[in-house]
Amino acid sequence: MPALVGPVQIVSVGGGVVTFGDTFYVSPKSASKTAAGSGGFNTGNFINTNTGFSATNAIDPDLADQNIVANA
């Protein structure tokens, strides 16, 4: 049965799905890319990382890595 939804204001949605009315198929999509140097994602207590010289190439020559089109 179709649903009538009144005025709605959504300021922010982080990591969730918002649906109104009848929903047959929901396929949320997201893509991200992260670049970090050696020892960049270490977590814990008392980490000692000896890397000498570290350089991260953040140049990305291709135009699109993960295309997200429509909701199919």
N, C-alpha and C. Protein backbone atom coordinates (compact mmCIF):
# COMPACT_ATOMS: atom_id res chain seq x y z
N MET A 1 0.85 -1.17 0.00
CA MET A 1 0.00 0.00 0.00
C MET A 1 0.90 1.24 0.00
N PRO A 2 0.67 2.17 -0.90
CA PRO A 2 1.50 3.37 -0.95
C PRO A 2 1.38 4.19 0.33
N ALA A 3 2.46 4.88 0.66
CA ALA A 3 2.48 5.69 1.86
C ALA A 3 2.58 7.16 1.49
N LEU A 4 1.90 7.99 2.23
CA LEU A 4 2.00 9.43 2.06
C LEU A 4 2.89 9.96 3.18
N VAL A 5 3.97 10.61 2.80
CA VAL A 5 4.93 11.12 3.78
C VAL A 5 4.91 12.63 3.70
N GLY A 6 4.79 13.27 4.84
CA GLY A 6 4.75 14.71 4.90
C GLY A 6 6.15 15.32 4.80
N PRO A 7 6.27 16.60 5.12
CA PRO A 7 7.56 17.27 5.03
C PRO A 7 8.59 16.64 5.97
N VAL A 8 9.79 16.41 5.43
CA VAL A 8 10.87 15.79 6.20
C VAL A 8 12.14 16.57 5.96
N GLN A 9 12.89 16.83 7.02
CA GLN A 9 14.20 17.46 6.88
C GLN A 9 15.23 16.55 7.53
N ILE A 10 16.17 16.06 6.73
CA ILE A 10 17.26 15.23 7.23
C ILE A 10 18.53 16.05 7.09
N VAL A 11 19.14 16.37 8.21
CA VAL A 11 20.33 17.21 8.19
C VAL A 11 21.57 16.39 7.89
N SER A 12 21.68 15.21 8.48
CA SER A 12 22.86 14.39 8.26
C SER A 12 22.54 12.93 8.51
N VAL A 13 23.05 12.06 7.65
CA VAL A 13 22.94 10.61 7.84
C VAL A 13 24.34 10.06 7.66
N GLY A 14 24.88 9.43 8.67
CA GLY A 14 26.22 8.87 8.58
C GLY A 14 26.19 7.37 8.75
N GLY A 15 26.41 6.65 7.68
CA GLY A 15 26.47 5.20 7.75
C GLY A 15 25.15 4.52 7.98
N GLY A 16 24.07 5.09 7.54
CA GLY A 16 22.77 4.49 7.74
C GLY A 16 21.92 4.56 6.48
N VAL A 17 20.77 3.96 6.54
CA VAL A 17 19.83 3.95 5.43
C VAL A 17 18.52 4.54 5.92
N VAL A 18 17.97 5.48 5.17
CA VAL A 18 16.70 6.08 5.52
C VAL A 18 15.70 5.74 4.42
N THR A 19 14.61 5.12 4.80
CA THR A 19 13.57 4.76 3.82
C THR A 19 12.23 5.29 4.30
N PHE A 20 11.39 5.65 3.36
CA PHE A 20 10.04 6.11 3.65
C PHE A 20 9.08 5.37 2.74
N GLY A 21 7.98 4.92 3.29
CA GLY A 21 6.98 4.26 2.48
C GLY A 21 7.37 2.83 2.14
N ASP A 22 6.80 2.35 1.03
CA ASP A 22 7.05 0.98 0.59
C ASP A 22 8.44 0.89 -0.02
N THR A 23 9.20 -0.08 0.42
CA THR A 23 10.56 -0.29 -0.08
C THR A 23 10.71 -1.75 -0.47
N PHE A 24 10.98 -1.97 -1.75
CA PHE A 24 11.16 -3.34 -2.23
C PHE A 24 12.61 -3.76 -2.11
N TYR A 25 13.53 -2.90 -2.55
CA TYR A 25 14.94 -3.26 -2.58
C TYR A 25 15.77 -2.03 -2.27
N VAL A 26 16.60 -2.09 -1.24
CA VAL A 26 17.46 -0.98 -0.87
C VAL A 26 18.91 -1.42 -1.05
N SER A 27 19.66 -0.65 -1.81
CA SER A 27 21.05 -0.99 -2.08
C SER A 27 21.93 0.23 -1.86
N PRO A 28 22.30 0.52 -0.62
CA PRO A 28 23.15 1.70 -0.38
C PRO A 28 24.56 1.47 -0.92
N LYS A 29 25.16 2.53 -1.42
CA LYS A 29 26.48 2.42 -2.01
C LYS A 29 27.39 3.50 -1.45
N SER A 30 28.65 3.17 -1.30
CA SER A 30 29.65 4.16 -0.90
C SER A 30 31.01 3.68 -1.40
N ALA A 31 31.91 4.62 -1.58
CA ALA A 31 33.28 4.31 -1.99
C ALA A 31 34.22 5.30 -1.33
N SER A 32 35.39 4.83 -0.99
CA SER A 32 36.39 5.71 -0.40
C SER A 32 37.78 5.23 -0.77
N LYS A 33 38.73 6.13 -0.66
CA LYS A 33 40.12 5.80 -0.96
C LYS A 33 41.00 6.49 0.08
N THR A 34 41.98 5.77 0.60
CA THR A 34 42.86 6.31 1.62
C THR A 34 44.31 6.02 1.25
N ALA A 35 45.15 7.01 1.41
CA ALA A 35 46.58 6.83 1.18
C ALA A 35 47.32 7.20 2.46
N ALA A 36 48.24 6.32 2.88
CA ALA A 36 49.02 6.59 4.08
C ALA A 36 50.40 5.99 3.92
N GLY A 37 51.37 6.61 4.53
CA GLY A 37 52.74 6.14 4.44
C GLY A 37 52.99 4.94 5.35
N SER A 38 54.22 4.47 5.34
CA SER A 38 54.55 3.31 6.16
C SER A 38 54.39 3.66 7.63
N GLY A 39 53.77 2.78 8.37
CA GLY A 39 53.52 3.03 9.78
C GLY A 39 52.38 3.98 10.04
N GLY A 40 51.58 4.28 9.02
CA GLY A 40 50.51 5.26 9.16
C GLY A 40 49.29 4.78 9.92
N PHE A 41 49.00 3.49 9.86
CA PHE A 41 47.79 2.97 10.49
C PHE A 41 48.09 2.11 11.71
N ASN A 42 49.23 2.27 12.30
CA ASN A 42 49.56 1.50 13.50
C ASN A 42 48.72 2.01 14.67
N THR A 43 48.15 1.07 15.41
CA THR A 43 47.40 1.43 16.61
C THR A 43 47.89 0.57 17.76
N GLY A 44 47.83 1.10 18.94
CA GLY A 44 48.26 0.34 20.11
C GLY A 44 49.13 1.19 21.01
N ASN A 45 49.65 0.57 22.03
CA ASN A 45 50.49 1.25 23.00
C ASN A 45 51.96 1.00 22.70
N PHE A 46 52.77 2.02 22.83
CA PHE A 46 54.23 1.91 22.73
C PHE A 46 54.68 1.35 21.39
N ILE A 47 54.26 1.98 20.30
CA ILE A 47 54.67 1.54 18.96
C ILE A 47 55.97 2.22 18.59
N ASN A 48 56.92 1.45 18.09
CA ASN A 48 58.19 1.97 17.64
C ASN A 48 58.37 1.54 16.18
N THR A 49 58.23 2.49 15.26
CA THR A 49 58.34 2.19 13.84
C THR A 49 59.54 2.92 13.28
N ASN A 50 60.50 2.17 12.75
CA ASN A 50 61.70 2.74 12.14
C ASN A 50 61.63 2.51 10.64
N THR A 51 61.25 3.53 9.89
CA THR A 51 61.07 3.36 8.46
C THR A 51 62.13 4.06 7.63
N GLY A 52 62.96 4.85 8.25
CA GLY A 52 63.97 5.58 7.47
C GLY A 52 63.31 6.68 6.67
N PHE A 53 63.20 6.49 5.38
CA PHE A 53 62.55 7.48 4.51
C PHE A 53 61.25 6.89 3.98
N SER A 54 60.18 7.64 4.09
CA SER A 54 58.88 7.17 3.64
C SER A 54 58.21 8.25 2.79
N ALA A 55 57.76 7.87 1.62
CA ALA A 55 57.04 8.79 0.75
C ALA A 55 55.82 8.08 0.19
N THR A 56 54.66 8.69 0.31
CA THR A 56 53.42 8.12 -0.21
C THR A 56 53.01 8.87 -1.46
N ASN A 57 52.85 8.15 -2.55
CA ASN A 57 52.42 8.75 -3.80
C ASN A 57 50.91 8.84 -3.81
N ALA A 58 50.37 10.03 -3.62
CA ALA A 58 48.92 10.22 -3.60
C ALA A 58 48.39 10.67 -4.95
N ILE A 59 49.22 10.68 -5.98
CA ILE A 59 48.78 11.06 -7.32
C ILE A 59 48.01 9.90 -7.93
N ASP A 60 46.81 10.19 -8.40
CA ASP A 60 45.94 9.15 -8.97
C ASP A 60 45.61 9.51 -10.41
N PRO A 61 46.29 8.91 -11.38
CA PRO A 61 46.11 9.33 -12.77
C PRO A 61 44.77 8.92 -13.41
N ASP A 62 44.13 7.85 -12.93
CA ASP A 62 42.86 7.47 -13.54
C ASP A 62 41.73 8.36 -13.02
N LEU A 63 40.70 8.51 -13.83
CA LEU A 63 39.62 9.44 -13.49
C LEU A 63 38.65 8.88 -12.46
N ALA A 64 38.36 7.59 -12.54
CA ALA A 64 37.38 7.01 -11.62
C ALA A 64 37.85 5.63 -11.20
N ASP A 65 37.83 5.36 -9.90
CA ASP A 65 38.22 4.05 -9.39
C ASP A 65 37.02 3.14 -9.18
N GLN A 66 36.04 3.63 -8.45
CA GLN A 66 34.84 2.84 -8.17
C GLN A 66 33.63 3.67 -8.56
N ASN A 67 33.08 3.38 -9.71
CA ASN A 67 31.91 4.15 -10.19
C ASN A 67 30.66 3.73 -9.43
N ILE A 68 29.93 4.72 -8.96
CA ILE A 68 28.66 4.48 -8.30
C ILE A 68 27.59 5.20 -9.12
N VAL A 69 26.73 4.42 -9.76
CA VAL A 69 25.73 4.99 -10.65
C VAL A 69 24.35 4.51 -10.21
N ALA A 70 23.44 5.43 -10.06
CA ALA A 70 22.03 5.15 -9.75
C ALA A 70 21.91 4.32 -8.47
N ASN A 71 20.89 3.51 -8.39
CA ASN A 71 20.66 2.69 -7.22
C ASN A 71 20.30 1.27 -7.65
N ALA A 72 21.07 0.75 -8.61
CA ALA A 72 20.75 -0.59 -9.11
C ALA A 72 21.86 -1.55 -8.79
